[in-house]
Amino acid sequence: MKPKNKFQRNIVEASKNLQPLTSKQIQWGLEHSINHVGHKSAKKIVTCTKCGHQWKSDTKRKHEKCPHCGTRLTIHEGRKRIFNDCGYFTVITACKDYQVVRSVMVKCSLRVGKPAEYEWAEVMQRWIAPNGEHVTFTRLRQTMGTLYYDLWLFYTPLELRKENHIFNLVHSGTVCPFMSATHELRKRGFKKSFYGQSPLNFFHTLLTDNRMETLLKTGQTKLLRHFMEHPKENVEDYWQSIRICNRNGYKVHDAVTWCDYIDALKYLGKDVRNMKYVCPQNLSREHDKACRKVVERELEKEMNGNTPKFLSKEHCYLLSKGRFFGLSFSDGVICVKVIESVKDMILEGRAMHHCVGRYHTKKDSLILSATINGKRIETVEVSLSQMKVVQCRGVCNSNTEYHDRIIKLVEDNAEQIRQRMKQVA
């Protein structure tokens, strides 16, 4: 694709000065982007498929370290002797005033008794300007008759391409530590950590939102990660309270609970710019106390009768989440069911002593109740955009012995939720 404006032309010209990847970066990527296998024979002889070294092992561990090359191996027992794997690693490079996120794909052939054979190519570059705007260079992909996004044609050149949502999927989280950053990013507080975000998203947010820069520089990294992972939650709604925290040196260690707590304070009419409220020494205790008051107030309104305002809430909840009503799944012991009314949600919050009673207004959330023999165990919040469990809390926001089992049950049945989303509300 030919550059269509001055911005693209400048980047195409700058790309001619981009230095090739160093041998040190490539070697690191080959070692960390591939899941190397340790083949264990019937005689308990383990063979490292990376270097070919053999040793005897009587352990039953799923992972072992090769005593010769130090590679972490996934142990495979069986007759299979050929393993193929592919992966990505990311290299962060500065070129003039542009930050470049470079994605390298690695293909690896692993054969028992022979050293690993690698094939690699730099398949994509995201060029980011100081103002956060970006363009993408990629190789061509084999797209005819397939939906896979990683069928890159290594022999094609890296060229400027039209933006495609597929490009955002090419990120493994394996980022080479040997990197260089632009002066603009260093000035905004970037110090090699991405806090679980893709480099492109992190750089774009940091360059375009001064509030995120402030969170990074003041060490409020839990809040930074929370707002980046939940873009539908507006940081501006909490900014006055965050400023009070920064002014008093208060660090938020549980962003989800703290934001819920601030929402509860607003509902109760408290001053969210008062250090006494927004910087609690015991966040969990103050959060539970505020949420009990919220539930009691909601319950009072509900018990006053079917007021037009309350009926309006029920109607809005029905329109928003009605397609999920009746949805439930069980593993034989635990039953997880969608909460089907605002009244039931308020009662759930009161019984469990947490703040779910006001979650009926959350557009991106689906609230479910996990029970055993009709007894409430934990309340589950699922993000409909990410299709994963955001929160799973028992009484007073504690975790029960069934916590991990409940999360697995919900996420294993995420496809049922996804199918309901396709229905017309």
Foldseek 3Di string as FASTA:
>chain_A
DDDDDPVSVVVVVLVVVDDDDDPVQVVVCVQPFDAWAWEQEPQQWTATQAAGDIDHDPDPDQWDADPPPRRIHGYDYDDDFKDKDKGKEWAWEDGVQKIKIWIKIKIWIGGRRDHIDIDMATAKIWIAHLQLDIWMWGADADDPPDDDLPRGDRVGDTDTDDDDVSVVVRDDPHYRQPHDDHPSVVVLPDDSDQLPDGPSLSSSCSSHPSVLSVCNVLVQSLQSSVCSVPVVDDVVVLVLLVVLCSVVVAHDPHNVLLVLQLVLCVVVVHDSNDCPRNRDPDSLVSQLVSLLVVLVVVVVVPVVDDDPVQVVLFVVLCQLCVLQAPDWDDPVFKIKHWDRGLVSQSVVCNVQSHNSSPVSPPNQWTKIFIDGPPHTAWIWIAGNVVLATPAIAGRSRHADPCRVVVRCRSSVCSVVVVVSVPDND
